Every structure is written in C-alpha cells, then in structure tokens.
PDB file of N, CA and C in Angstrom:
ATOM      1  N   MET A   1     -51.332 -61.101 -38.329  1.00  0.00           N
ATOM      2  CA  MET A   1     -51.709 -60.570 -37.296  1.00  0.00           C
ATOM      3  C   MET A   1     -51.252 -59.949 -36.031  1.00  0.00           C
ATOM      4  N   ARG A   2     -50.419 -58.721 -35.961  1.00  0.00           N
ATOM      5  CA  ARG A   2     -49.967 -58.228 -34.533  1.00  0.00           C
ATOM      6  C   ARG A   2     -51.068 -57.602 -33.806  1.00  0.00           C
ATOM      7  N   PHE A   3     -51.259 -58.059 -32.422  1.00  0.00           N
ATOM      8  CA  PHE A   3     -52.044 -57.737 -31.193  1.00  0.00           C
ATOM      9  C   PHE A   3     -51.758 -57.368 -30.001  1.00  0.00           C
ATOM     10  N   ASP A   4     -51.905 -55.979 -29.611  1.00  0.00           N
ATOM     11  CA  ASP A   4     -51.279 -55.630 -28.710  1.00  0.00           C
ATOM     12  C   ASP A   4     -51.843 -54.814 -27.870  1.00  0.00           C
ATOM     13  N   VAL A   5     -51.486 -55.490 -26.058  1.00  0.00           N
ATOM     14  CA  VAL A   5     -53.482 -55.201 -24.923  1.00  0.00           C
ATOM     15  C   VAL A   5     -52.580 -54.433 -24.370  1.00  0.00           C
ATOM     16  N   ARG A   6     -52.852 -53.192 -23.715  1.00  0.00           N
ATOM     17  CA  ARG A   6     -52.635 -52.284 -22.868  1.00  0.00           C
ATOM     18  C   ARG A   6     -53.437 -52.206 -21.755  1.00  0.00           C
ATOM     19  N   CYS A   7     -53.020 -52.771 -20.572  1.00  0.00           N
ATOM     20  CA  CYS A   7     -54.170 -51.936 -19.392  1.00  0.00           C
ATOM     21  C   CYS A   7     -53.378 -51.310 -18.356  1.00  0.00           C
ATOM     22  N   ILE A   8     -54.279 -50.031 -18.013  1.00  0.00           N
ATOM     23  CA  ILE A   8     -53.822 -48.526 -17.624  1.00  0.00           C
ATOM     24  C   ILE A   8     -55.022 -48.437 -16.232  1.00  0.00           C
ATOM     25  N   HIS A   9     -54.617 -49.013 -15.168  1.00  0.00           N
ATOM     26  CA  HIS A   9     -54.792 -49.014 -13.534  1.00  0.00           C
ATOM     27  C   HIS A   9     -56.415 -49.849 -13.694  1.00  0.00           C
ATOM     28  N   LEU A  10     -55.964 -51.047 -14.238  1.00  0.00           N
ATOM     29  CA  LEU A  10     -57.020 -51.956 -13.888  1.00  0.00           C
ATOM     30  C   LEU A  10     -56.572 -52.978 -12.975  1.00  0.00           C
ATOM     31  N   ASP A  11     -57.567 -53.300 -11.853  1.00  0.00           N
ATOM     32  CA  ASP A  11     -57.305 -54.693 -11.184  1.00  0.00           C
ATOM     33  C   ASP A  11     -57.198 -55.856 -11.817  1.00  0.00           C
ATOM     34  N   ASN A  12     -56.954 -57.177 -11.911  1.00  0.00           N
ATOM     35  CA  ASN A  12     -57.291 -57.708 -12.609  1.00  0.00           C
ATOM     36  C   ASN A  12     -56.618 -58.425 -13.922  1.00  0.00           C
ATOM     37  N   SER A  13     -55.657 -57.541 -14.682  1.00  0.00           N
ATOM     38  CA  SER A  13     -55.387 -56.912 -15.754  1.00  0.00           C
ATOM     39  C   SER A  13     -55.130 -58.507 -16.891  1.00  0.00           C
ATOM     40  N   GLU A  14     -54.893 -59.459 -16.050  1.00  0.00           N
ATOM     41  CA  GLU A  14     -54.502 -60.382 -17.078  1.00  0.00           C
ATOM     42  C   GLU A  14     -56.196 -61.778 -17.394  1.00  0.00           C
ATOM     43  N   HIS A  15     -56.216 -62.010 -16.393  1.00  0.00           N
ATOM     44  CA  HIS A  15     -57.758 -61.829 -16.973  1.00  0.00           C
ATOM     45  C   HIS A  15     -58.655 -60.509 -18.467  1.00  0.00           C
ATOM     46  N   VAL A  16     -58.292 -59.405 -18.252  1.00  0.00           N
ATOM     47  CA  VAL A  16     -58.810 -58.693 -18.751  1.00  0.00           C
ATOM     48  C   VAL A  16     -58.649 -58.222 -20.399  1.00  0.00           C
ATOM     49  N   ASP A  17     -57.058 -58.712 -20.013  1.00  0.00           N
ATOM     50  CA  ASP A  17     -56.663 -58.868 -21.496  1.00  0.00           C
ATOM     51  C   ASP A  17     -57.048 -60.135 -21.938  1.00  0.00           C
ATOM     52  N   ARG A  18     -57.016 -61.171 -21.726  1.00  0.00           N
ATOM     53  CA  ARG A  18     -57.468 -61.918 -22.377  1.00  0.00           C
ATOM     54  C   ARG A  18     -58.955 -62.525 -22.855  1.00  0.00           C
ATOM     55  N   HIS A  19     -59.547 -61.586 -22.191  1.00  0.00           N
ATOM     56  CA  HIS A  19     -60.765 -61.505 -23.248  1.00  0.00           C
ATOM     57  C   HIS A  19     -61.312 -59.576 -23.797  1.00  0.00           C
ATOM     58  N   ALA A  20     -60.167 -58.759 -23.579  1.00  0.00           N
ATOM     59  CA  ALA A  20     -60.249 -58.278 -25.073  1.00  0.00           C
ATOM     60  C   ALA A  20     -59.965 -59.241 -25.710  1.00  0.00           C
ATOM     61  N   ARG A  21     -58.629 -60.028 -26.342  1.00  0.00           N
ATOM     62  CA  ARG A  21     -58.570 -61.144 -26.864  1.00  0.00           C
ATOM     63  C   ARG A  21     -59.009 -62.071 -27.731  1.00  0.00           C
ATOM     64  N   GLU A  22     -60.056 -62.796 -26.760  1.00  0.00           N
ATOM     65  CA  GLU A  22     -60.886 -63.452 -27.153  1.00  0.00           C
ATOM     66  C   GLU A  22     -61.668 -62.508 -28.305  1.00  0.00           C
ATOM     67  N   LYS A  23     -62.147 -61.601 -27.256  1.00  0.00           N
ATOM     68  CA  LYS A  23     -63.269 -60.757 -28.301  1.00  0.00           C
ATOM     69  C   LYS A  23     -63.276 -60.088 -29.497  1.00  0.00           C
ATOM     70  N   PHE A  24     -61.992 -59.456 -29.374  1.00  0.00           N
ATOM     71  CA  PHE A  24     -61.775 -59.024 -30.837  1.00  0.00           C
ATOM     72  C   PHE A  24     -61.352 -59.459 -31.683  1.00  0.00           C
ATOM     73  N   ALA A  25     -60.277 -60.947 -31.630  1.00  0.00           N
ATOM     74  CA  ALA A  25     -60.336 -61.952 -32.767  1.00  0.00           C
ATOM     75  C   ALA A  25     -61.570 -62.649 -33.185  1.00  0.00           C
ATOM     76  N   ALA A  26     -62.683 -62.619 -32.002  1.00  0.00           N
ATOM     77  CA  ALA A  26     -63.723 -63.178 -32.812  1.00  0.00           C
ATOM     78  C   ALA A  26     -64.307 -62.167 -33.831  1.00  0.00           C
ATOM     79  N   ALA A  27     -64.326 -61.024 -33.725  1.00  0.00           N
ATOM     80  CA  ALA A  27     -64.708 -59.642 -34.243  1.00  0.00           C
ATOM     81  C   ALA A  27     -64.405 -59.677 -35.624  1.00  0.00           C
ATOM     82  N   LEU A  28     -63.100 -59.864 -35.738  1.00  0.00           N
ATOM     83  CA  LEU A  28     -62.143 -59.260 -36.365  1.00  0.00           C
ATOM     84  C   LEU A  28     -61.501 -60.391 -37.617  1.00  0.00           C
ATOM     85  N   GLY A  29     -62.049 -61.512 -37.025  1.00  0.00           N
ATOM     86  CA  GLY A  29     -62.194 -62.571 -37.874  1.00  0.00           C
ATOM     87  C   GLY A  29     -61.553 -62.703 -39.346  1.00  0.00           C
ATOM     88  N   ASN A  30     -63.023 -62.454 -39.556  1.00  0.00           N
ATOM     89  CA  ASN A  30     -63.453 -62.796 -41.283  1.00  0.00           C
ATOM     90  C   ASN A  30     -62.663 -61.342 -41.856  1.00  0.00           C
ATOM     91  N   PHE A  31     -61.325 -60.380 -41.145  1.00  0.00           N
ATOM     92  CA  PHE A  31     -61.146 -59.970 -42.006  1.00  0.00           C
ATOM     93  C   PHE A  31     -59.039 -60.239 -41.556  1.00  0.00           C
ATOM     94  N   SER A  32     -59.348 -61.236 -41.479  1.00  0.00           N
ATOM     95  CA  SER A  32     -57.492 -61.259 -40.443  1.00  0.00           C
ATOM     96  C   SER A  32     -56.996 -61.207 -41.467  1.00  0.00           C
ATOM     97  N   GLY A  33     -57.171 -61.626 -42.967  1.00  0.00           N
ATOM     98  CA  GLY A  33     -56.255 -61.446 -43.851  1.00  0.00           C
ATOM     99  C   GLY A  33     -56.146 -59.675 -44.553  1.00  0.00           C
ATOM    100  N   ARG A  34     -56.492 -58.931 -43.808  1.00  0.00           N
ATOM    101  CA  ARG A  34     -56.648 -57.510 -44.012  1.00  0.00           C
ATOM    102  C   ARG A  34     -56.202 -56.676 -42.972  1.00  0.00           C
ATOM    103  N   VAL A  35     -56.270 -57.472 -41.915  1.00  0.00           N
ATOM    104  CA  VAL A  35     -56.063 -57.274 -40.395  1.00  0.00           C
ATOM    105  C   VAL A  35     -54.399 -56.616 -40.629  1.00  0.00           C
ATOM    106  N   GLU A  36     -53.392 -55.977 -40.057  1.00  0.00           N
ATOM    107  CA  GLU A  36     -52.325 -56.015 -39.929  1.00  0.00           C
ATOM    108  C   GLU A  36     -51.315 -56.298 -38.580  1.00  0.00           C
ATOM    109  N   ARG A  37     -52.075 -54.762 -38.016  1.00  0.00           N
ATOM    110  CA  ARG A  37     -52.067 -54.669 -36.251  1.00  0.00           C
ATOM    111  C   ARG A  37     -53.303 -54.288 -35.804  1.00  0.00           C
ATOM    112  N   VAL A  38     -52.953 -54.752 -34.193  1.00  0.00           N
ATOM    113  CA  VAL A  38     -54.637 -54.147 -33.532  1.00  0.00           C
ATOM    114  C   VAL A  38     -53.628 -53.442 -32.073  1.00  0.00           C
ATOM    115  N   ASP A  39     -54.460 -52.250 -31.901  1.00  0.00           N
ATOM    116  CA  ASP A  39     -54.123 -51.419 -30.494  1.00  0.00           C
ATOM    117  C   ASP A  39     -54.920 -51.715 -29.555  1.00  0.00           C
ATOM    118  N   VAL A  40     -54.707 -52.072 -28.523  1.00  0.00           N
ATOM    119  CA  VAL A  40     -55.974 -51.651 -27.869  1.00  0.00           C
ATOM    120  C   VAL A  40     -55.633 -51.436 -26.526  1.00  0.00           C
ATOM    121  N   VAL A  41     -56.572 -50.503 -26.134  1.00  0.00           N
ATOM    122  CA  VAL A  41     -55.874 -50.206 -24.466  1.00  0.00           C
ATOM    123  C   VAL A  41     -56.799 -49.722 -23.286  1.00  0.00           C
ATOM    124  N   LEU A  42     -57.286 -50.460 -22.875  1.00  0.00           N
ATOM    125  CA  LEU A  42     -57.616 -50.514 -21.791  1.00  0.00           C
ATOM    126  C   LEU A  42     -57.945 -49.728 -20.342  1.00  0.00           C
ATOM    127  N   GLU A  43     -58.241 -48.709 -20.165  1.00  0.00           N
ATOM    128  CA  GLU A  43     -57.788 -47.954 -18.467  1.00  0.00           C
ATOM    129  C   GLU A  43     -58.987 -47.799 -18.343  1.00  0.00           C
ATOM    130  N   ASP A  44     -58.521 -47.633 -16.910  1.00  0.00           N
ATOM    131  CA  ASP A  44     -60.283 -46.711 -15.704  1.00  0.00           C
ATOM    132  C   ASP A  44     -59.673 -45.213 -15.983  1.00  0.00           C
ATOM    133  N   LEU A  45     -60.091 -44.573 -16.034  1.00  0.00           N
ATOM    134  CA  LEU A  45     -60.776 -42.831 -16.783  1.00  0.00           C
ATOM    135  C   LEU A  45     -60.260 -42.691 -15.001  1.00  0.00           C
ATOM    136  N   HIS A  46     -60.577 -42.833 -14.387  1.00  0.00           N
ATOM    137  CA  HIS A  46     -60.058 -42.203 -12.414  1.00  0.00           C
ATOM    138  C   HIS A  46     -58.606 -42.666 -12.478  1.00  0.00           C
ATOM    139  N   GLY A  47     -58.013 -43.369 -12.847  1.00  0.00           N
ATOM    140  CA  GLY A  47     -56.514 -43.628 -12.325  1.00  0.00           C
ATOM    141  C   GLY A  47     -56.644 -44.610 -10.905  1.00  0.00           C
ATOM    142  N   THR A  48     -55.891 -43.755 -10.429  1.00  0.00           N
ATOM    143  CA  THR A  48     -55.648 -45.005  -8.616  1.00  0.00           C
ATOM    144  C   THR A  48     -57.241 -45.337  -8.040  1.00  0.00           C
ATOM    145  N   LYS A  49     -58.215 -43.486  -8.147  1.00  0.00           N
ATOM    146  CA  LYS A  49     -59.194 -43.434  -7.462  1.00  0.00           C
ATOM    147  C   LYS A  49     -60.254 -44.291  -7.794  1.00  0.00           C
ATOM    148  N   HIS A  50     -60.360 -44.963  -8.572  1.00  0.00           N
ATOM    149  CA  HIS A  50     -60.918 -46.464  -8.958  1.00  0.00           C
ATOM    150  C   HIS A  50     -62.649 -46.028  -9.709  1.00  0.00           C
ATOM    151  N   GLY A  51     -62.427 -45.010  -9.868  1.00  0.00           N
ATOM    152  CA  GLY A  51     -64.205 -43.939 -10.313  1.00  0.00           C
ATOM    153  C   GLY A  51     -64.907 -44.964 -11.087  1.00  0.00           C
ATOM    154  N   VAL A  52     -65.244 -44.749 -11.817  1.00  0.00           N
ATOM    155  CA  VAL A  52     -66.779 -45.911 -12.448  1.00  0.00           C
ATOM    156  C   VAL A  52     -66.743 -46.030 -13.861  1.00  0.00           C
ATOM    157  N   GLU A  53     -65.756 -44.864 -14.586  1.00  0.00           N
ATOM    158  CA  GLU A  53     -65.850 -45.054 -16.016  1.00  0.00           C
ATOM    159  C   GLU A  53     -64.868 -45.639 -16.633  1.00  0.00           C
ATOM    160  N   ARG A  54     -64.293 -46.620 -17.706  1.00  0.00           N
ATOM    161  CA  ARG A  54     -63.477 -47.094 -17.929  1.00  0.00           C
ATOM    162  C   ARG A  54     -63.645 -47.388 -19.516  1.00  0.00           C
ATOM    163  N   ARG A  55     -62.494 -47.761 -19.921  1.00  0.00           N
ATOM    164  CA  ARG A  55     -62.168 -46.660 -21.211  1.00  0.00           C
ATOM    165  C   ARG A  55     -61.305 -48.277 -22.288  1.00  0.00           C
ATOM    166  N   CYS A  56     -62.552 -48.328 -23.653  1.00  0.00           N
ATOM    167  CA  CYS A  56     -61.737 -49.704 -24.663  1.00  0.00           C
ATOM    168  C   CYS A  56     -61.712 -48.800 -25.598  1.00  0.00           C
ATOM    169  N   THR A  57     -60.108 -48.649 -26.147  1.00  0.00           N
ATOM    170  CA  THR A  57     -59.806 -48.464 -27.162  1.00  0.00           C
ATOM    171  C   THR A  57     -59.402 -48.680 -28.323  1.00  0.00           C
ATOM    172  N   ILE A  58     -59.698 -49.088 -29.318  1.00  0.00           N
ATOM    173  CA  ILE A  58     -59.026 -50.125 -30.437  1.00  0.00           C
ATOM    174  C   ILE A  58     -58.582 -49.478 -31.638  1.00  0.00           C
ATOM    175  N   ARG A  59     -57.070 -49.486 -31.782  1.00  0.00           N
ATOM    176  CA  ARG A  59     -56.919 -48.747 -32.998  1.00  0.00           C
ATOM    177  C   ARG A  59     -56.419 -50.164 -33.630  1.00  0.00           C
ATOM    178  N   VAL A  60     -56.965 -50.117 -35.033  1.00  0.00           N
ATOM    179  CA  VAL A  60     -56.796 -51.384 -36.203  1.00  0.00           C
ATOM    180  C   VAL A  60     -56.056 -50.667 -37.530  1.00  0.00           C
ATOM    181  N   THR A  61     -55.100 -50.983 -37.793  1.00  0.00           N
ATOM    182  CA  THR A  61     -54.278 -51.223 -38.768  1.00  0.00           C
ATOM    183  C   THR A  61     -54.570 -51.375 -40.199  1.00  0.00           C
ATOM    184  N   LEU A  62     -55.022 -51.654 -41.712  1.00  0.00           N
ATOM    185  CA  LEU A  62     -55.646 -52.517 -42.221  1.00  0.00           C
ATOM    186  C   LEU A  62     -54.781 -52.455 -43.627  1.00  0.00           C
ATOM    187  N   SER A  63     -54.761 -53.371 -44.086  1.00  0.00           N
ATOM    188  CA  SER A  63     -53.876 -53.320 -45.373  1.00  0.00           C
ATOM    189  C   SER A  63     -54.641 -52.723 -46.617  1.00  0.00           C
ATOM    190  N   GLY A  64     -53.887 -51.923 -47.298  1.00  0.00           N
ATOM    191  CA  GLY A  64     -54.430 -50.750 -47.972  1.00  0.00           C
ATOM    192  C   GLY A  64     -55.475 -50.383 -47.938  1.00  0.00           C
ATOM    193  N   ALA A  65     -55.728 -49.839 -46.505  1.00  0.00           N
ATOM    194  CA  ALA A  65     -57.201 -49.027 -46.181  1.00  0.00           C
ATOM    195  C   ALA A  65     -57.405 -48.462 -44.929  1.00  0.00           C
ATOM    196  N   GLY A  66     -55.981 -47.812 -44.959  1.00  0.00           N
ATOM    197  CA  GLY A  66     -55.570 -47.271 -43.784  1.00  0.00           C
ATOM    198  C   GLY A  66     -55.913 -47.912 -42.671  1.00  0.00           C
ATOM    199  N   GLU A  67     -55.837 -46.653 -41.410  1.00  0.00           N
ATOM    200  CA  GLU A  67     -56.059 -46.970 -39.844  1.00  0.00           C
ATOM    201  C   GLU A  67     -58.113 -47.267 -39.917  1.00  0.00           C
ATOM    202  N   ALA A  68     -58.113 -47.342 -38.766  1.00  0.00           N
ATOM    203  CA  ALA A  68     -59.423 -47.217 -38.102  1.00  0.00           C
ATOM    204  C   ALA A  68     -59.640 -46.665 -36.159  1.00  0.00           C
ATOM    205  N   GLN A  69     -60.192 -46.453 -35.310  1.00  0.00           N
ATOM    206  CA  GLN A  69     -59.834 -46.363 -34.225  1.00  0.00           C
ATOM    207  C   GLN A  69     -61.771 -46.129 -33.889  1.00  0.00           C
ATOM    208  N   VAL A  70     -61.743 -47.044 -32.793  1.00  0.00           N
ATOM    209  CA  VAL A  70     -63.242 -46.997 -31.781  1.00  0.00           C
ATOM    210  C   VAL A  70     -62.637 -46.951 -30.652  1.00  0.00           C
ATOM    211  N   GLN A  71     -63.807 -46.189 -29.598  1.00  0.00           N
ATOM    212  CA  GLN A  71     -63.369 -46.374 -28.405  1.00  0.00           C
ATOM    213  C   GLN A  71     -64.414 -46.828 -27.551  1.00  0.00           C
ATOM    214  N   HIS A  72     -65.060 -47.108 -26.686  1.00  0.00           N
ATOM    215  CA  HIS A  72     -66.588 -47.259 -25.714  1.00  0.00           C
ATOM    216  C   HIS A  72     -66.088 -47.074 -24.670  1.00  0.00           C
ATOM    217  N   ILE A  73     -66.829 -45.938 -23.393  1.00  0.00           N
ATOM    218  CA  ILE A  73     -66.259 -46.015 -22.808  1.00  0.00           C
ATOM    219  C   ILE A  73     -67.715 -46.434 -21.795  1.00  0.00           C
ATOM    220  N   ASP A  74     -67.550 -47.361 -20.483  1.00  0.00           N
ATOM    221  CA  ASP A  74     -68.920 -48.268 -19.924  1.00  0.00           C
ATOM    222  C   ASP A  74     -68.120 -47.953 -18.419  1.00  0.00           C
ATOM    223  N   PRO A  75     -68.871 -48.518 -17.343  1.00  0.00           N
ATOM    224  CA  PRO A  75     -68.698 -49.147 -15.502  1.00  0.00           C
ATOM    225  C   PRO A  75     -67.645 -49.864 -16.065  1.00  0.00           C
ATOM    226  N   ASP A  76     -68.224 -50.804 -16.539  1.00  0.00           N
ATOM    227  CA  ASP A  76     -67.668 -52.183 -16.565  1.00  0.00           C
ATOM    228  C   ASP A  76     -67.139 -52.914 -17.834  1.00  0.00           C
ATOM    229  N   ILE A  77     -66.340 -52.832 -17.167  1.00  0.00           N
ATOM    230  CA  ILE A  77     -64.900 -52.751 -18.606  1.00  0.00           C
ATOM    231  C   ILE A  77     -64.835 -54.228 -19.851  1.00  0.00           C
ATOM    232  N   TYR A  78     -65.481 -54.783 -18.935  1.00  0.00           N
ATOM    233  CA  TYR A  78     -65.377 -56.656 -20.157  1.00  0.00           C
ATOM    234  C   TYR A  78     -67.004 -55.930 -21.551  1.00  0.00           C
ATOM    235  N   HIS A  79     -67.856 -55.178 -20.578  1.00  0.00           N
ATOM    236  CA  HIS A  79     -69.172 -54.649 -21.821  1.00  0.00           C
ATOM    237  C   HIS A  79     -68.419 -53.614 -22.560  1.00  0.00           C
ATOM    238  N   ALA A  80     -67.632 -52.986 -22.174  1.00  0.00           N
ATOM    239  CA  ALA A  80     -66.768 -51.718 -22.981  1.00  0.00           C
ATOM    240  C   ALA A  80     -65.948 -52.335 -23.847  1.00  0.00           C
ATOM    241  N   ILE A  81     -65.436 -53.191 -23.302  1.00  0.00           N
ATOM    242  CA  ILE A  81     -64.305 -54.058 -24.917  1.00  0.00           C
ATOM    243  C   ILE A  81     -65.408 -54.836 -25.625  1.00  0.00           C
ATOM    244  N   GLU A  82     -66.979 -55.624 -25.253  1.00  0.00           N
ATOM    245  CA  GLU A  82     -67.655 -55.858 -26.592  1.00  0.00           C
ATOM    246  C   GLU A  82     -68.674 -54.745 -27.154  1.00  0.00           C
ATOM    247  N   GLU A  83     -68.735 -53.950 -26.275  1.00  0.00           N
ATOM    248  CA  GLU A  83     -68.975 -52.829 -27.402  1.00  0.00           C
ATOM    249  C   GLU A  83     -68.094 -52.272 -28.453  1.00  0.00           C
ATOM    250  N   ALA A  84     -66.901 -52.452 -28.095  1.00  0.00           N
ATOM    251  CA  ALA A  84     -65.721 -51.292 -28.733  1.00  0.00           C
ATOM    252  C   ALA A  84     -65.461 -52.963 -30.060  1.00  0.00           C
ATOM    253  N   ALA A  85     -65.675 -54.020 -29.826  1.00  0.00           N
ATOM    254  CA  ALA A  85     -65.372 -55.250 -30.599  1.00  0.00           C
ATOM    255  C   ALA A  85     -66.550 -54.893 -31.823  1.00  0.00           C
ATOM    256  N   ARG A  86     -67.676 -54.765 -31.411  1.00  0.00           N
ATOM    257  CA  ARG A  86     -68.615 -54.610 -32.419  1.00  0.00           C
ATOM    258  C   ARG A  86     -68.825 -53.855 -32.795  1.00  0.00           C
ATOM    259  N   ARG A  87     -68.467 -52.929 -32.413  1.00  0.00           N
ATOM    260  CA  ARG A  87     -68.653 -50.729 -33.607  1.00  0.00           C
ATOM    261  C   ARG A  87     -67.136 -51.186 -34.637  1.00  0.00           C
ATOM    262  N   MET A  88     -66.019 -52.101 -33.725  1.00  0.00           N
ATOM    263  CA  MET A  88     -64.951 -52.791 -34.422  1.00  0.00           C
ATOM    264  C   MET A  88     -65.315 -53.096 -36.240  1.00  0.00           C
ATOM    265  N   LYS A  89     -65.396 -53.793 -35.723  1.00  0.00           N
ATOM    266  CA  LYS A  89     -65.986 -55.072 -36.808  1.00  0.00           C
ATOM    267  C   LYS A  89     -66.867 -53.978 -38.222  1.00  0.00           C
ATOM    268  N   ARG A  90     -68.617 -53.360 -37.554  1.00  0.00           N
ATOM    269  CA  ARG A  90     -68.480 -52.498 -38.357  1.00  0.00           C
ATOM    270  C   ARG A  90     -68.323 -51.546 -39.390  1.00  0.00           C
ATOM    271  N   THR A  91     -66.956 -50.853 -38.149  1.00  0.00           N
ATOM    272  CA  THR A  91     -66.161 -50.687 -39.246  1.00  0.00           C
ATOM    273  C   THR A  91     -65.356 -50.370 -40.170  1.00  0.00           C
ATOM    274  N   VAL A  92     -64.768 -52.099 -39.707  1.00  0.00           N
ATOM    275  CA  VAL A  92     -63.477 -52.554 -40.267  1.00  0.00           C
ATOM    276  C   VAL A  92     -64.356 -53.451 -41.238  1.00  0.00           C
ATOM    277  N   ARG A  93     -65.587 -53.782 -41.599  1.00  0.00           N
ATOM    278  CA  ARG A  93     -66.425 -54.253 -43.034  1.00  0.00           C
ATOM    279  C   ARG A  93     -66.414 -53.163 -43.089  1.00  0.00           C
ATOM    280  N   ARG A  94     -66.665 -52.550 -43.310  1.00  0.00           N
ATOM    281  CA  ARG A  94     -67.653 -50.987 -43.596  1.00  0.00           C
ATOM    282  C   ARG A  94     -66.216 -50.077 -44.532  1.00  0.00           C
ATOM    283  N   ARG A  95     -65.547 -49.902 -43.821  1.00  0.00           N
ATOM    284  CA  ARG A  95     -63.536 -49.563 -44.512  1.00  0.00           C
ATOM    285  C   ARG A  95     -63.354 -50.426 -45.707  1.00  0.00           C
ATOM    286  N   ILE A  96     -63.510 -51.514 -45.294  1.00  0.00           N
ATOM    287  CA  ILE A  96     -62.927 -52.544 -46.395  1.00  0.00           C
ATOM    288  C   ILE A  96     -64.209 -52.314 -47.491  1.00  0.00           C
ATOM    289  N   ASN A  97     -65.439 -52.670 -47.398  1.00  0.00           N
ATOM    290  CA  ASN A  97     -65.878 -52.231 -48.599  1.00  0.00           C
ATOM    291  C   ASN A  97     -66.269 -51.313 -49.257  1.00  0.00           C
ATOM    292  N   ARG A  98     -66.055 -50.498 -48.146  1.00  0.00           N
ATOM    293  CA  ARG A  98     -65.790 -48.613 -49.516  1.00  0.00           C
ATOM    294  C   ARG A  98     -64.862 -48.822 -50.839  1.00  0.00           C
ATOM    295  N   ARG A  99     -63.496 -49.402 -49.845  1.00  0.00           N
ATOM    296  CA  ARG A  99     -62.341 -49.546 -50.724  1.00  0.00           C
ATOM    297  C   ARG A  99     -62.849 -50.261 -51.461  1.00  0.00           C
ATOM    298  N   ARG A 100     -63.488 -51.501 -51.851  1.00  0.00           N
ATOM    299  CA  ARG A 100     -63.396 -52.831 -52.668  1.00  0.00           C
ATOM    300  C   ARG A 100     -64.187 -51.847 -54.510  1.00  0.00           C
ATOM    301  N   ASP A 101     -65.314 -51.195 -52.896  1.00  0.00           N
ATOM    302  CA  ASP A 101     -66.106 -50.176 -54.596  1.00  0.00           C
ATOM    303  C   ASP A 101     -65.644 -49.601 -54.594  1.00  0.00           C
ATOM    304  N   ILE A 102     -64.652 -48.691 -54.574  1.00  0.00           N
ATOM    305  CA  ILE A 102     -63.932 -47.319 -55.036  1.00  0.00           C
ATOM    306  C   ILE A 102     -63.657 -48.155 -56.349  1.00  0.00           C
ATOM    307  N   ALA A 103     -62.715 -49.391 -56.020  1.00  0.00           N
ATOM    308  CA  ALA A 103     -61.849 -49.907 -56.531  1.00  0.00           C
ATOM    309  C   ALA A 103     -62.668 -50.337 -58.263  1.00  0.00           C
ATOM    310  N   HIS A 104     -64.042 -50.700 -57.656  1.00  0.00           N
ATOM    311  CA  HIS A 104     -64.703 -51.117 -58.895  1.00  0.00           C
ATOM    312  C   HIS A 104     -64.911 -50.420 -60.063  1.00  0.00           C
ATOM    313  N   HIS A 105     -65.858 -48.833 -58.929  1.00  0.00           N
ATOM    314  CA  HIS A 105     -65.658 -48.168 -59.935  1.00  0.00           C
ATOM    315  C   HIS A 105     -65.091 -47.662 -60.314  1.00  0.00           C
ATOM    316  N   ARG A 106     -63.793 -47.324 -59.907  1.00  0.00           N
ATOM    317  CA  ARG A 106     -62.608 -47.243 -61.045  1.00  0.00           C
ATOM    318  C   ARG A 106     -62.645 -47.861 -61.936  1.00  0.00           C
ATOM    319  N   SER A 107     -62.223 -48.981 -62.193  1.00  0.00           N
ATOM    320  CA  SER A 107     -62.164 -50.456 -63.163  1.00  0.00           C
ATOM    321  C   SER A 107     -63.699 -50.216 -63.783  1.00  0.00           C
ATOM    322  N   VAL A 108     -64.348 -50.197 -63.260  1.00  0.00           N
ATOM    323  CA  VAL A 108     -65.390 -49.653 -64.329  1.00  0.00           C
ATOM    324  C   VAL A 108     -65.943 -48.651 -65.530  1.00  0.00           C
ATOM    325  N   GLY A 109     -65.621 -47.592 -64.052  1.00  0.00           N
ATOM    326  CA  GLY A 109     -65.086 -46.481 -65.461  1.00  0.00           C
ATOM    327  C   GLY A 109     -63.710 -45.947 -66.937  1.00  0.00           C
ATOM    328  N   ALA A 110     -63.194 -47.043 -66.265  1.00  0.00           N
ATOM    329  CA  ALA A 110     -61.592 -47.100 -67.304  1.00  0.00           C
ATOM    330  C   ALA A 110     -62.159 -48.172 -68.198  1.00  0.00           C
ATOM    331  N   ARG A 111     -62.750 -49.218 -68.243  1.00  0.00           N
ATOM    332  CA  ARG A 111     -63.658 -49.946 -69.087  1.00  0.00           C
ATOM    333  C   ARG A 111     -64.304 -48.885 -69.777  1.00  0.00           C
ATOM    334  N   HIS A 112     -65.080 -48.105 -69.263  1.00  0.00           N
ATOM    335  CA  HIS A 112     -66.062 -46.978 -70.349  1.00  0.00           C
ATOM    336  C   HIS A 112     -65.509 -45.791 -70.733  1.00  0.00           C
ATOM    337  N   ALA A 113     -63.835 -45.717 -70.697  1.00  0.00           N
ATOM    338  CA  ALA A 113     -63.549 -44.488 -71.255  1.00  0.00           C
ATOM    339  C   ALA A 113     -62.669 -45.565 -71.959  1.00  0.00           C
ATOM    340  N   ALA A 114     -63.030 -46.497 -72.291  1.00  0.00           N
ATOM    341  CA  ALA A 114     -61.960 -47.248 -73.495  1.00  0.00           C
ATOM    342  C   ALA A 114     -62.989 -47.299 -74.881  1.00  0.00           C
TER     343      ALA A 114
END
C-alpha cells in the first residue's frame, strides 16, 4: 500500500503527518489487501492567515473497486484526521461489501439461468 501525506500551510507538519499515518493505517488495516494507494491532504483553509478551519481530504484507491474520497473540516486538524479516518473506514467497508454482493448476485443468477 502506497501512502502519501501532504501538509499545506500547517505548523508542526511532521507531527501531524505521523498522526495521520497512524490513524489511517489503523482505520484501513483490515482492508490492507484491497487498498493500493492512500493520498491524504491536510491543509489550513485560510493559508498563511491561520484561520480556524482545517481540512483533511483522503482518497483511497481500491483494487477492483475504484476510488473513494472523504473529507472533514474542523478547527482542530487532529480531530479532522480522526473523523476522516472513521468515515473512510466505513466508506471502504461499504464499497468492498457492495462489490462482493454484486459478484455474489451475478454468480447466483448465472447458476439459476443454467
């Protein structure tokens, strides 16, 4: 699994980067065989003015199931990371289950047609 984290206009980006890697690795660990790539962008939406909105955007590429993307905006970048990780875990699980259910229904339909 390839993992890339980019921090834009954030102080202490090394610590934030490490926190993001830990949270997303834990959230996606059960799906590691299906996850090809994880791209995370962490940014202060007000740039160098240091406003109160931080955004965590994560895009996950899944083998055989396309891409999934979620984002969360919060004044606390650490909370934004944790919420995005929680939502991505649920999104990836749903995407993988949907693909499995479609494959199952196709195989059952093919058996009944024969």
